[in-house]
PDB file of N, CA and C in Angstrom:
ATOM      1  N   GLU A   1     -76.486 -34.616 -49.741  1.00  0.00           N
ATOM      2  CA  GLU A   1     -76.264 -33.957 -48.620  1.00  0.00           C
ATOM      3  C   GLU A   1     -75.974 -32.288 -49.028  1.00  0.00           C
ATOM      4  N   VAL A   2     -76.486 -31.674 -48.178  1.00  0.00           N
ATOM      5  CA  VAL A   2     -76.493 -30.128 -47.922  1.00  0.00           C
ATOM      6  C   VAL A   2     -75.118 -29.841 -47.270  1.00  0.00           C
ATOM      7  N   GLN A   3     -74.242 -29.198 -47.725  1.00  0.00           N
ATOM      8  CA  GLN A   3     -72.636 -29.109 -46.582  1.00  0.00           C
ATOM      9  C   GLN A   3     -72.489 -27.664 -47.094  1.00  0.00           C
ATOM     10  N   LEU A   4     -72.160 -26.816 -46.245  1.00  0.00           N
ATOM     11  CA  LEU A   4     -71.939 -25.164 -46.143  1.00  0.00           C
ATOM     12  C   LEU A   4     -70.591 -25.159 -45.427  1.00  0.00           C
ATOM     13  N   VAL A   5     -69.790 -24.876 -46.042  1.00  0.00           N
ATOM     14  CA  VAL A   5     -68.386 -24.727 -45.286  1.00  0.00           C
ATOM     15  C   VAL A   5     -67.419 -23.519 -45.050  1.00  0.00           C
ATOM     16  N   GLU A   6     -67.633 -22.630 -43.839  1.00  0.00           N
ATOM     17  CA  GLU A   6     -67.211 -21.479 -44.036  1.00  0.00           C
ATOM     18  C   GLU A   6     -66.074 -21.443 -43.599  1.00  0.00           C
ATOM     19  N   SER A   7     -64.853 -20.484 -44.173  1.00  0.00           N
ATOM     20  CA  SER A   7     -63.469 -20.549 -44.245  1.00  0.00           C
ATOM     21  C   SER A   7     -63.306 -19.024 -43.775  1.00  0.00           C
ATOM     22  N   GLY A   8     -61.954 -18.592 -43.661  1.00  0.00           N
ATOM     23  CA  GLY A   8     -61.876 -17.237 -43.845  1.00  0.00           C
ATOM     24  C   GLY A   8     -61.562 -16.479 -42.479  1.00  0.00           C
ATOM     25  N   GLY A   9     -62.038 -16.615 -41.160  1.00  0.00           N
ATOM     26  CA  GLY A   9     -61.939 -15.922 -40.103  1.00  0.00           C
ATOM     27  C   GLY A   9     -60.526 -16.323 -39.423  1.00  0.00           C
ATOM     28  N   GLY A  10     -60.507 -15.429 -38.579  1.00  0.00           N
ATOM     29  CA  GLY A  10     -59.257 -15.365 -37.769  1.00  0.00           C
ATOM     30  C   GLY A  10     -59.154 -14.223 -36.518  1.00  0.00           C
ATOM     31  N   LEU A  11     -57.719 -13.960 -36.128  1.00  0.00           N
ATOM     32  CA  LEU A  11     -57.862 -13.005 -35.353  1.00  0.00           C
ATOM     33  C   LEU A  11     -57.181 -11.571 -36.168  1.00  0.00           C
ATOM     34  N   VAL A  12     -57.850 -10.851 -36.322  1.00  0.00           N
ATOM     35  CA  VAL A  12     -57.472  -9.334 -37.020  1.00  0.00           C
ATOM     36  C   VAL A  12     -57.640  -8.081 -35.707  1.00  0.00           C
ATOM     37  N   GLN A  13     -56.546  -7.197 -36.272  1.00  0.00           N
ATOM     38  CA  GLN A  13     -56.525  -5.957 -35.146  1.00  0.00           C
ATOM     39  C   GLN A  13     -57.989  -4.915 -35.727  1.00  0.00           C
ATOM     40  N   PRO A  14     -58.079  -4.222 -34.942  1.00  0.00           N
ATOM     41  CA  PRO A  14     -59.214  -2.889 -35.339  1.00  0.00           C
ATOM     42  C   PRO A  14     -58.962  -2.383 -36.502  1.00  0.00           C
ATOM     43  N   GLY A  15     -59.982  -2.486 -37.247  1.00  0.00           N
ATOM     44  CA  GLY A  15     -59.584  -1.345 -38.568  1.00  0.00           C
ATOM     45  C   GLY A  15     -58.975  -2.417 -39.675  1.00  0.00           C
ATOM     46  N   GLY A  16     -58.506  -3.556 -39.342  1.00  0.00           N
ATOM     47  CA  GLY A  16     -58.432  -4.310 -40.335  1.00  0.00           C
ATOM     48  C   GLY A  16     -59.536  -4.893 -41.294  1.00  0.00           C
ATOM     49  N   SER A  17     -58.776  -6.189 -42.041  1.00  0.00           N
ATOM     50  CA  SER A  17     -60.219  -6.514 -42.842  1.00  0.00           C
ATOM     51  C   SER A  17     -59.793  -8.094 -43.370  1.00  0.00           C
ATOM     52  N   LEU A  18     -61.172  -8.913 -43.276  1.00  0.00           N
ATOM     53  CA  LEU A  18     -61.057 -10.183 -43.372  1.00  0.00           C
ATOM     54  C   LEU A  18     -62.005 -10.856 -44.921  1.00  0.00           C
ATOM     55  N   ARG A  19     -61.951 -11.498 -45.724  1.00  0.00           N
ATOM     56  CA  ARG A  19     -63.099 -12.002 -46.505  1.00  0.00           C
ATOM     57  C   ARG A  19     -63.430 -13.429 -46.139  1.00  0.00           C
ATOM     58  N   LEU A  20     -64.757 -13.671 -45.392  1.00  0.00           N
ATOM     59  CA  LEU A  20     -65.275 -14.638 -45.352  1.00  0.00           C
ATOM     60  C   LEU A  20     -65.632 -15.304 -46.860  1.00  0.00           C
ATOM     61  N   SER A  21     -65.433 -17.107 -46.588  1.00  0.00           N
ATOM     62  CA  SER A  21     -65.793 -17.675 -47.912  1.00  0.00           C
ATOM     63  C   SER A  21     -66.951 -18.594 -47.159  1.00  0.00           C
ATOM     64  N   CYS A  22     -67.653 -19.119 -48.213  1.00  0.00           N
ATOM     65  CA  CYS A  22     -68.606 -20.050 -47.722  1.00  0.00           C
ATOM     66  C   CYS A  22     -69.026 -21.257 -49.220  1.00  0.00           C
ATOM     67  N   ALA A  23     -68.347 -22.237 -49.071  1.00  0.00           N
ATOM     68  CA  ALA A  23     -68.333 -23.320 -49.855  1.00  0.00           C
ATOM     69  C   ALA A  23     -69.783 -24.145 -49.997  1.00  0.00           C
ATOM     70  N   ALA A  24     -70.377 -24.264 -50.759  1.00  0.00           N
ATOM     71  CA  ALA A  24     -71.438 -24.692 -50.658  1.00  0.00           C
ATOM     72  C   ALA A  24     -71.568 -26.075 -51.760  1.00  0.00           C
ATOM     73  N   SER A  25     -72.214 -27.135 -51.060  1.00  0.00           N
ATOM     74  CA  SER A  25     -72.497 -28.111 -52.144  1.00  0.00           C
ATOM     75  C   SER A  25     -73.638 -28.937 -51.695  1.00  0.00           C
ATOM     76  N   GLY A  26     -73.987 -30.145 -52.409  1.00  0.00           N
ATOM     77  CA  GLY A  26     -75.321 -30.639 -52.137  1.00  0.00           C
ATOM     78  C   GLY A  26     -76.686 -30.241 -52.416  1.00  0.00           C
ATOM     79  N   PHE A  27     -76.931 -29.045 -53.217  1.00  0.00           N
ATOM     80  CA  PHE A  27     -78.051 -28.669 -53.422  1.00  0.00           C
ATOM     81  C   PHE A  27     -77.939 -27.748 -54.479  1.00  0.00           C
ATOM     82  N   ALA A  28     -79.108 -26.894 -55.194  1.00  0.00           N
ATOM     83  CA  ALA A  28     -78.832 -26.123 -56.400  1.00  0.00           C
ATOM     84  C   ALA A  28     -78.337 -24.941 -56.124  1.00  0.00           C
ATOM     85  N   PHE A  29     -77.220 -24.658 -55.887  1.00  0.00           N
ATOM     86  CA  PHE A  29     -76.389 -23.438 -54.715  1.00  0.00           C
ATOM     87  C   PHE A  29     -77.203 -22.156 -55.756  1.00  0.00           C
ATOM     88  N   SER A  30     -77.176 -22.140 -57.176  1.00  0.00           N
ATOM     89  CA  SER A  30     -77.686 -21.105 -57.984  1.00  0.00           C
ATOM     90  C   SER A  30     -78.457 -20.422 -58.099  1.00  0.00           C
ATOM     91  N   SER A  31     -79.496 -21.318 -57.691  1.00  0.00           N
ATOM     92  CA  SER A  31     -81.035 -20.924 -57.200  1.00  0.00           C
ATOM     93  C   SER A  31     -81.357 -21.014 -55.900  1.00  0.00           C
ATOM     94  N   SER A  32     -80.526 -20.523 -55.255  1.00  0.00           N
ATOM     95  CA  SER A  32     -80.938 -20.202 -53.598  1.00  0.00           C
ATOM     96  C   SER A  32     -80.648 -18.836 -52.819  1.00  0.00           C
ATOM     97  N   TRP A  33     -80.980 -18.041 -52.429  1.00  0.00           N
ATOM     98  CA  TRP A  33     -81.168 -17.157 -51.668  1.00  0.00           C
ATOM     99  C   TRP A  33     -79.593 -17.796 -50.467  1.00  0.00           C
ATOM    100  N   MET A  34     -78.927 -16.593 -50.175  1.00  0.00           N
ATOM    101  CA  MET A  34     -78.158 -17.304 -49.284  1.00  0.00           C
ATOM    102  C   MET A  34     -77.825 -15.798 -48.119  1.00  0.00           C
ATOM    103  N   TYR A  35     -77.667 -16.254 -47.386  1.00  0.00           N
ATOM    104  CA  TYR A  35     -77.173 -15.190 -45.869  1.00  0.00           C
ATOM    105  C   TYR A  35     -75.900 -15.486 -44.920  1.00  0.00           C
ATOM    106  N   TRP A  36     -75.696 -14.786 -44.454  1.00  0.00           N
ATOM    107  CA  TRP A  36     -74.563 -14.209 -43.470  1.00  0.00           C
ATOM    108  C   TRP A  36     -75.445 -14.153 -42.061  1.00  0.00           C
ATOM    109  N   VAL A  37     -74.987 -15.174 -40.966  1.00  0.00           N
ATOM    110  CA  VAL A  37     -75.654 -14.597 -39.991  1.00  0.00           C
ATOM    111  C   VAL A  37     -74.215 -14.376 -38.820  1.00  0.00           C
ATOM    112  N   ARG A  38     -74.216 -14.178 -37.656  1.00  0.00           N
ATOM    113  CA  ARG A  38     -73.110 -13.915 -36.700  1.00  0.00           C
ATOM    114  C   ARG A  38     -73.786 -14.369 -35.426  1.00  0.00           C
ATOM    115  N   GLN A  39     -72.923 -14.846 -34.249  1.00  0.00           N
ATOM    116  CA  GLN A  39     -73.373 -14.931 -33.166  1.00  0.00           C
ATOM    117  C   GLN A  39     -72.354 -14.732 -32.170  1.00  0.00           C
ATOM    118  N   ALA A  40     -72.217 -13.328 -31.404  1.00  0.00           N
ATOM    119  CA  ALA A  40     -71.601 -12.990 -30.360  1.00  0.00           C
ATOM    120  C   ALA A  40     -71.409 -14.184 -29.087  1.00  0.00           C
ATOM    121  N   PRO A  41     -70.375 -13.572 -28.491  1.00  0.00           N
ATOM    122  CA  PRO A  41     -70.244 -14.985 -27.408  1.00  0.00           C
ATOM    123  C   PRO A  41     -71.659 -14.748 -26.222  1.00  0.00           C
ATOM    124  N   GLY A  42     -72.299 -15.442 -25.826  1.00  0.00           N
ATOM    125  CA  GLY A  42     -73.114 -15.488 -25.088  1.00  0.00           C
ATOM    126  C   GLY A  42     -74.525 -14.670 -25.514  1.00  0.00           C
ATOM    127  N   LYS A  43     -74.569 -14.197 -26.724  1.00  0.00           N
ATOM    128  CA  LYS A  43     -76.156 -13.818 -27.650  1.00  0.00           C
ATOM    129  C   LYS A  43     -76.545 -14.561 -28.548  1.00  0.00           C
ATOM    130  N   GLY A  44     -77.498 -13.909 -28.713  1.00  0.00           N
ATOM    131  CA  GLY A  44     -78.307 -14.901 -30.055  1.00  0.00           C
ATOM    132  C   GLY A  44     -77.803 -14.282 -31.614  1.00  0.00           C
ATOM    133  N   LEU A  45     -78.326 -15.071 -32.159  1.00  0.00           N
ATOM    134  CA  LEU A  45     -77.984 -14.944 -34.077  1.00  0.00           C
ATOM    135  C   LEU A  45     -78.534 -13.320 -34.381  1.00  0.00           C
ATOM    136  N   GLU A  46     -77.840 -13.085 -34.968  1.00  0.00           N
ATOM    137  CA  GLU A  46     -77.861 -11.839 -35.766  1.00  0.00           C
ATOM    138  C   GLU A  46     -77.822 -11.777 -37.163  1.00  0.00           C
ATOM    139  N   TRP A  47     -78.797 -11.503 -38.150  1.00  0.00           N
ATOM    140  CA  TRP A  47     -78.497 -11.040 -39.255  1.00  0.00           C
ATOM    141  C   TRP A  47     -77.872 -10.407 -39.748  1.00  0.00           C
ATOM    142  N   VAL A  48     -76.907 -10.660 -40.515  1.00  0.00           N
ATOM    143  CA  VAL A  48     -76.197  -9.822 -41.233  1.00  0.00           C
ATOM    144  C   VAL A  48     -76.193  -9.061 -42.413  1.00  0.00           C
ATOM    145  N   SER A  49     -76.525 -10.106 -43.293  1.00  0.00           N
ATOM    146  CA  SER A  49     -76.704 -10.238 -45.157  1.00  0.00           C
ATOM    147  C   SER A  49     -77.097 -10.855 -45.585  1.00  0.00           C
ATOM    148  N   SER A  50     -77.807 -10.561 -46.736  1.00  0.00           N
ATOM    149  CA  SER A  50     -78.393 -11.328 -47.622  1.00  0.00           C
ATOM    150  C   SER A  50     -77.969 -11.109 -49.016  1.00  0.00           C
ATOM    151  N   ILE A  51     -78.258 -12.288 -49.691  1.00  0.00           N
ATOM    152  CA  ILE A  51     -78.049 -12.022 -51.620  1.00  0.00           C
ATOM    153  C   ILE A  51     -78.553 -13.110 -52.227  1.00  0.00           C
ATOM    154  N   ASN A  52     -79.438 -12.260 -53.211  1.00  0.00           N
ATOM    155  CA  ASN A  52     -80.374 -12.963 -54.112  1.00  0.00           C
ATOM    156  C   ASN A  52     -79.500 -14.262 -54.686  1.00  0.00           C
ATOM    157  N   THR A  53     -80.414 -14.921 -56.082  1.00  0.00           N
ATOM    158  CA  THR A  53     -79.495 -16.148 -56.644  1.00  0.00           C
ATOM    159  C   THR A  53     -78.475 -15.646 -57.533  1.00  0.00           C
ATOM    160  N   SER A  54     -78.851 -14.494 -58.224  1.00  0.00           N
ATOM    161  CA  SER A  54     -77.759 -13.797 -59.015  1.00  0.00           C
ATOM    162  C   SER A  54     -76.697 -13.121 -58.489  1.00  0.00           C
ATOM    163  N   GLY A  55     -76.716 -12.309 -57.217  1.00  0.00           N
ATOM    164  CA  GLY A  55     -76.063 -11.386 -56.686  1.00  0.00           C
ATOM    165  C   GLY A  55     -76.670 -10.146 -57.117  1.00  0.00           C
ATOM    166  N   GLY A  56     -77.602  -9.894 -57.714  1.00  0.00           N
ATOM    167  CA  GLY A  56     -77.794  -8.619 -58.199  1.00  0.00           C
ATOM    168  C   GLY A  56     -78.486  -8.147 -56.886  1.00  0.00           C
ATOM    169  N   ALA A  57     -79.116  -8.638 -56.191  1.00  0.00           N
ATOM    170  CA  ALA A  57     -79.842  -7.865 -55.185  1.00  0.00           C
ATOM    171  C   ALA A  57     -78.951  -8.205 -53.671  1.00  0.00           C
ATOM    172  N   THR A  58     -78.943  -7.273 -52.677  1.00  0.00           N
ATOM    173  CA  THR A  58     -78.241  -7.635 -51.510  1.00  0.00           C
ATOM    174  C   THR A  58     -79.060  -6.595 -50.507  1.00  0.00           C
ATOM    175  N   ALA A  59     -78.575  -7.139 -49.098  1.00  0.00           N
ATOM    176  CA  ALA A  59     -79.169  -6.638 -48.423  1.00  0.00           C
ATOM    177  C   ALA A  59     -78.582  -6.235 -46.911  1.00  0.00           C
ATOM    178  N   TYR A  60     -78.033  -5.329 -45.915  1.00  0.00           N
ATOM    179  CA  TYR A  60     -77.646  -5.438 -44.973  1.00  0.00           C
ATOM    180  C   TYR A  60     -77.703  -5.059 -43.551  1.00  0.00           C
ATOM    181  N   ALA A  61     -77.642  -5.428 -42.743  1.00  0.00           N
ATOM    182  CA  ALA A  61     -78.010  -5.092 -41.248  1.00  0.00           C
ATOM    183  C   ALA A  61     -77.397  -3.835 -40.984  1.00  0.00           C
ATOM    184  N   GLU A  62     -78.378  -3.106 -40.145  1.00  0.00           N
ATOM    185  CA  GLU A  62     -77.764  -1.560 -40.360  1.00  0.00           C
ATOM    186  C   GLU A  62     -76.382  -1.136 -39.444  1.00  0.00           C
ATOM    187  N   SER A  63     -75.685  -2.157 -38.803  1.00  0.00           N
ATOM    188  CA  SER A  63     -74.801  -2.683 -37.929  1.00  0.00           C
ATOM    189  C   SER A  63     -73.423  -2.467 -38.933  1.00  0.00           C
ATOM    190  N   VAL A  64     -73.888  -3.248 -39.907  1.00  0.00           N
ATOM    191  CA  VAL A  64     -72.585  -3.512 -40.839  1.00  0.00           C
ATOM    192  C   VAL A  64     -72.843  -2.734 -42.251  1.00  0.00           C
ATOM    193  N   LYS A  65     -73.754  -2.269 -42.734  1.00  0.00           N
ATOM    194  CA  LYS A  65     -74.059  -1.471 -43.818  1.00  0.00           C
ATOM    195  C   LYS A  65     -72.883  -0.287 -44.048  1.00  0.00           C
ATOM    196  N   GLY A  66     -72.232  -0.708 -45.025  1.00  0.00           N
ATOM    197  CA  GLY A  66     -71.314   0.451 -45.528  1.00  0.00           C
ATOM    198  C   GLY A  66     -69.684  -0.210 -45.459  1.00  0.00           C
ATOM    199  N   GLN A  67     -70.026  -1.435 -44.134  1.00  0.00           N
ATOM    200  CA  GLN A  67     -68.756  -1.695 -43.995  1.00  0.00           C
ATOM    201  C   GLN A  67     -68.382  -3.376 -44.294  1.00  0.00           C
ATOM    202  N   PHE A  68     -69.437  -3.657 -44.778  1.00  0.00           N
ATOM    203  CA  PHE A  68     -69.247  -5.493 -44.875  1.00  0.00           C
ATOM    204  C   PHE A  68     -69.952  -5.301 -46.291  1.00  0.00           C
ATOM    205  N   THR A  69     -69.582  -6.309 -47.303  1.00  0.00           N
ATOM    206  CA  THR A  69     -70.299  -6.449 -48.844  1.00  0.00           C
ATOM    207  C   THR A  69     -70.357  -7.783 -48.385  1.00  0.00           C
ATOM    208  N   ILE A  70     -71.275  -8.411 -49.085  1.00  0.00           N
ATOM    209  CA  ILE A  70     -71.540  -9.824 -49.965  1.00  0.00           C
ATOM    210  C   ILE A  70     -71.700 -10.114 -50.922  1.00  0.00           C
ATOM    211  N   SER A  71     -71.259 -11.433 -51.624  1.00  0.00           N
ATOM    212  CA  SER A  71     -71.126 -11.371 -52.761  1.00  0.00           C
ATOM    213  C   SER A  71     -71.161 -13.108 -53.055  1.00  0.00           C
ATOM    214  N   ARG A  72     -71.495 -12.944 -54.132  1.00  0.00           N
ATOM    215  CA  ARG A  72     -71.544 -14.792 -54.855  1.00  0.00           C
ATOM    216  C   ARG A  72     -70.755 -15.313 -56.297  1.00  0.00           C
ATOM    217  N   ASP A  73     -70.239 -16.321 -56.429  1.00  0.00           N
ATOM    218  CA  ASP A  73     -70.075 -16.912 -57.841  1.00  0.00           C
ATOM    219  C   ASP A  73     -70.670 -18.067 -57.726  1.00  0.00           C
ATOM    220  N   ASN A  74     -71.502 -18.140 -58.673  1.00  0.00           N
ATOM    221  CA  ASN A  74     -72.316 -19.228 -58.702  1.00  0.00           C
ATOM    222  C   ASN A  74     -71.485 -20.481 -59.268  1.00  0.00           C
ATOM    223  N   ALA A  75     -70.279 -20.155 -60.262  1.00  0.00           N
ATOM    224  CA  ALA A  75     -69.623 -20.629 -60.991  1.00  0.00           C
ATOM    225  C   ALA A  75     -68.988 -21.711 -59.794  1.00  0.00           C
ATOM    226  N   LYS A  76     -68.705 -21.218 -58.985  1.00  0.00           N
ATOM    227  CA  LYS A  76     -67.929 -22.016 -57.720  1.00  0.00           C
ATOM    228  C   LYS A  76     -68.427 -22.326 -56.686  1.00  0.00           C
ATOM    229  N   ASN A  77     -70.326 -22.250 -56.589  1.00  0.00           N
ATOM    230  CA  ASN A  77     -70.637 -22.555 -55.348  1.00  0.00           C
ATOM    231  C   ASN A  77     -70.197 -21.709 -54.159  1.00  0.00           C
ATOM    232  N   THR A  78     -69.850 -20.554 -54.143  1.00  0.00           N
ATOM    233  CA  THR A  78     -69.793 -20.110 -53.288  1.00  0.00           C
ATOM    234  C   THR A  78     -69.956 -18.652 -52.632  1.00  0.00           C
ATOM    235  N   VAL A  79     -70.255 -18.176 -51.693  1.00  0.00           N
ATOM    236  CA  VAL A  79     -70.570 -17.071 -51.110  1.00  0.00           C
ATOM    237  C   VAL A  79     -69.343 -16.556 -50.221  1.00  0.00           C
ATOM    238  N   TYR A  80     -69.638 -14.810 -50.391  1.00  0.00           N
ATOM    239  CA  TYR A  80     -68.074 -14.248 -49.604  1.00  0.00           C
ATOM    240  C   TYR A  80     -68.795 -13.243 -49.053  1.00  0.00           C
ATOM    241  N   LEU A  81     -68.038 -12.741 -48.085  1.00  0.00           N
ATOM    242  CA  LEU A  81     -68.205 -11.792 -46.953  1.00  0.00           C
ATOM    243  C   LEU A  81     -66.720 -10.808 -46.706  1.00  0.00           C
ATOM    244  N   GLN A  82     -67.008  -9.744 -47.640  1.00  0.00           N
ATOM    245  CA  GLN A  82     -65.766  -8.987 -47.216  1.00  0.00           C
ATOM    246  C   GLN A  82     -66.330  -7.870 -46.295  1.00  0.00           C
ATOM    247  N   MET A  83     -65.437  -8.206 -45.236  1.00  0.00           N
ATOM    248  CA  MET A  83     -65.543  -7.025 -44.051  1.00  0.00           C
ATOM    249  C   MET A  83     -64.368  -6.419 -43.718  1.00  0.00           C
ATOM    250  N   ASN A  84     -64.849  -5.249 -43.770  1.00  0.00           N
ATOM    251  CA  ASN A  84     -63.855  -3.965 -43.907  1.00  0.00           C
ATOM    252  C   ASN A  84     -63.640  -3.271 -42.143  1.00  0.00           C
ATOM    253  N   SER A  85     -62.821  -2.328 -41.824  1.00  0.00           N
ATOM    254  CA  SER A  85     -62.767  -1.432 -40.583  1.00  0.00           C
ATOM    255  C   SER A  85     -63.513  -2.408 -39.584  1.00  0.00           C
ATOM    256  N   LEU A  86     -63.083  -3.194 -39.316  1.00  0.00           N
ATOM    257  CA  LEU A  86     -63.502  -4.328 -38.387  1.00  0.00           C
ATOM    258  C   LEU A  86     -63.105  -3.703 -36.735  1.00  0.00           C
ATOM    259  N   LYS A  87     -64.045  -4.053 -36.046  1.00  0.00           N
ATOM    260  CA  LYS A  87     -64.696  -3.260 -34.348  1.00  0.00           C
ATOM    261  C   LYS A  87     -64.357  -4.695 -33.723  1.00  0.00           C
ATOM    262  N   PRO A  88     -63.950  -4.252 -32.501  1.00  0.00           N
ATOM    263  CA  PRO A  88     -64.165  -5.302 -31.550  1.00  0.00           C
ATOM    264  C   PRO A  88     -65.432  -6.146 -31.333  1.00  0.00           C
ATOM    265  N   GLU A  89     -66.638  -5.101 -31.862  1.00  0.00           N
ATOM    266  CA  GLU A  89     -67.902  -5.682 -31.429  1.00  0.00           C
ATOM    267  C   GLU A  89     -67.863  -6.510 -32.802  1.00  0.00           C
ATOM    268  N   ASP A  90     -67.656  -6.560 -33.521  1.00  0.00           N
ATOM    269  CA  ASP A  90     -67.751  -7.730 -34.831  1.00  0.00           C
ATOM    270  C   ASP A  90     -67.224  -9.025 -34.377  1.00  0.00           C
ATOM    271  N   THR A  91     -66.847  -9.233 -33.233  1.00  0.00           N
ATOM    272  CA  THR A  91     -66.057 -10.334 -32.805  1.00  0.00           C
ATOM    273  C   THR A  91     -67.230 -11.429 -32.532  1.00  0.00           C
ATOM    274  N   CYS A  92     -67.314 -12.438 -33.456  1.00  0.00           N
ATOM    275  CA  CYS A  92     -68.415 -13.227 -33.468  1.00  0.00           C
ATOM    276  C   CYS A  92     -68.163 -14.773 -34.226  1.00  0.00           C
ATOM    277  N   VAL A  93     -68.935 -15.678 -34.179  1.00  0.00           N
ATOM    278  CA  VAL A  93     -68.392 -16.956 -35.060  1.00  0.00           C
ATOM    279  C   VAL A  93     -69.528 -16.890 -36.131  1.00  0.00           C
ATOM    280  N   TYR A  94     -69.141 -16.647 -37.053  1.00  0.00           N
ATOM    281  CA  TYR A  94     -70.285 -16.458 -38.351  1.00  0.00           C
ATOM    282  C   TYR A  94     -70.417 -17.470 -39.293  1.00  0.00           C
ATOM    283  N   TYR A  95     -71.894 -17.496 -39.705  1.00  0.00           N
ATOM    284  CA  TYR A  95     -72.358 -18.698 -40.344  1.00  0.00           C
ATOM    285  C   TYR A  95     -73.105 -18.292 -41.643  1.00  0.00           C
ATOM    286  N   CYS A  96     -72.706 -19.142 -42.759  1.00  0.00           N
ATOM    287  CA  CYS A  96     -73.605 -19.023 -43.666  1.00  0.00           C
ATOM    288  C   CYS A  96     -74.716 -20.331 -43.834  1.00  0.00           C
ATOM    289  N   VAL A  97     -75.852 -19.149 -44.505  1.00  0.00           N
ATOM    290  CA  VAL A  97     -77.032 -19.940 -44.495  1.00  0.00           C
ATOM    291  C   VAL A  97     -77.536 -20.146 -45.522  1.00  0.00           C
ATOM    292  N   LYS A  98     -78.738 -21.201 -46.109  1.00  0.00           N
ATOM    293  CA  LYS A  98     -78.903 -21.116 -47.489  1.00  0.00           C
ATOM    294  C   LYS A  98     -80.489 -20.856 -47.322  1.00  0.00           C
ATOM    295  N   ASP A  99     -81.245 -20.500 -48.067  1.00  0.00           N
ATOM    296  CA  ASP A  99     -83.050 -20.305 -47.928  1.00  0.00           C
ATOM    297  C   ASP A  99     -83.158 -21.546 -48.810  1.00  0.00           C
ATOM    298  N   PRO A 100     -84.181 -22.434 -48.630  1.00  0.00           N
ATOM    299  CA  PRO A 100     -85.453 -21.850 -47.475  1.00  0.00           C
ATOM    300  C   PRO A 100     -85.170 -22.835 -46.426  1.00  0.00           C
ATOM    301  N   ASP A 101     -84.410 -23.606 -46.199  1.00  0.00           N
ATOM    302  CA  ASP A 101     -84.625 -24.497 -45.134  1.00  0.00           C
ATOM    303  C   ASP A 101     -83.772 -24.007 -44.234  1.00  0.00           C
ATOM    304  N   LEU A 102     -83.044 -22.970 -44.371  1.00  0.00           N
ATOM    305  CA  LEU A 102     -82.125 -21.908 -43.311  1.00  0.00           C
ATOM    306  C   LEU A 102     -80.919 -23.521 -42.858  1.00  0.00           C
ATOM    307  N   SER A 103     -80.302 -23.880 -43.704  1.00  0.00           N
ATOM    308  CA  SER A 103     -79.176 -24.805 -42.948  1.00  0.00           C
ATOM    309  C   SER A 103     -78.012 -24.029 -42.870  1.00  0.00           C
ATOM    310  N   PHE A 104     -77.197 -24.294 -41.758  1.00  0.00           N
ATOM    311  CA  PHE A 104     -76.215 -23.926 -41.195  1.00  0.00           C
ATOM    312  C   PHE A 104     -75.150 -24.194 -41.924  1.00  0.00           C
ATOM    313  N   GLY A 105     -74.020 -23.734 -41.830  1.00  0.00           N
ATOM    314  CA  GLY A 105     -72.375 -24.636 -41.709  1.00  0.00           C
ATOM    315  C   GLY A 105     -71.831 -24.164 -40.267  1.00  0.00           C
ATOM    316  N   GLN A 106     -70.661 -24.850 -40.315  1.00  0.00           N
ATOM    317  CA  GLN A 106     -70.337 -24.819 -38.912  1.00  0.00           C
ATOM    318  C   GLN A 106     -69.753 -23.628 -38.029  1.00  0.00           C
ATOM    319  N   GLY A 107     -69.528 -22.323 -39.081  1.00  0.00           N
ATOM    320  CA  GLY A 107     -69.373 -21.323 -38.604  1.00  0.00           C
ATOM    321  C   GLY A 107     -67.443 -21.256 -38.447  1.00  0.00           C
ATOM    322  N   THR A 108     -67.518 -19.840 -38.599  1.00  0.00           N
ATOM    323  CA  THR A 108     -65.915 -19.442 -38.560  1.00  0.00           C
ATOM    324  C   THR A 108     -65.957 -18.305 -37.807  1.00  0.00           C
ATOM    325  N   GLN A 109     -64.846 -18.867 -37.121  1.00  0.00           N
ATOM    326  CA  GLN A 109     -64.905 -17.487 -35.875  1.00  0.00           C
ATOM    327  C   GLN A 109     -63.908 -16.460 -36.401  1.00  0.00           C
ATOM    328  N   VAL A 110     -64.466 -15.111 -35.783  1.00  0.00           N
ATOM    329  CA  VAL A 110     -64.004 -13.750 -36.061  1.00  0.00           C
ATOM    330  C   VAL A 110     -63.873 -13.188 -34.905  1.00  0.00           C
ATOM    331  N   THR A 111     -62.469 -12.776 -34.255  1.00  0.00           N
ATOM    332  CA  THR A 111     -62.152 -12.079 -33.579  1.00  0.00           C
ATOM    333  C   THR A 111     -61.160 -11.056 -33.674  1.00  0.00           C
ATOM    334  N   VAL A 112     -62.080  -9.701 -33.113  1.00  0.00           N
ATOM    335  CA  VAL A 112     -61.245  -8.119 -33.452  1.00  0.00           C
ATOM    336  C   VAL A 112     -60.744  -7.719 -32.165  1.00  0.00           C
ATOM    337  N   SER A 113     -59.181  -7.761 -32.251  1.00  0.00           N
ATOM    338  CA  SER A 113     -58.608  -7.346 -30.877  1.00  0.00           C
ATOM    339  C   SER A 113     -56.967  -6.739 -31.050  1.00  0.00           C
ATOM    340  N   SER A 114     -56.943  -6.030 -30.524  1.00  0.00           N
ATOM    341  CA  SER A 114     -55.591  -5.592 -30.925  1.00  0.00           C
ATOM    342  C   SER A 114     -54.631  -6.245 -29.259  1.00  0.00           C
TER     343      SER A 114
END
């Protein structure tokens, strides 16, 4: 059974940082591209970032480029999202997603507020 368990969210002040983690199990993690997507209250899903199987290739939405960094540790079956200089508009539920079936985790809430 595919499991994706996100963690690391919380309440942070504007300008702060968080690192999200997604622990994966039940599939060949090292052979799967992984993604982070997010959803703001009352809005649709927004793709945030992608990482290839080795971690050597990444991509980012324009809205987070230079602010967020995706990485992975295939030995730990975990993908990360380092988020810096957080803004109130980054307040969302963040989900990790596996390729190719686009399975989601349960999400982790990030709230950026003073």
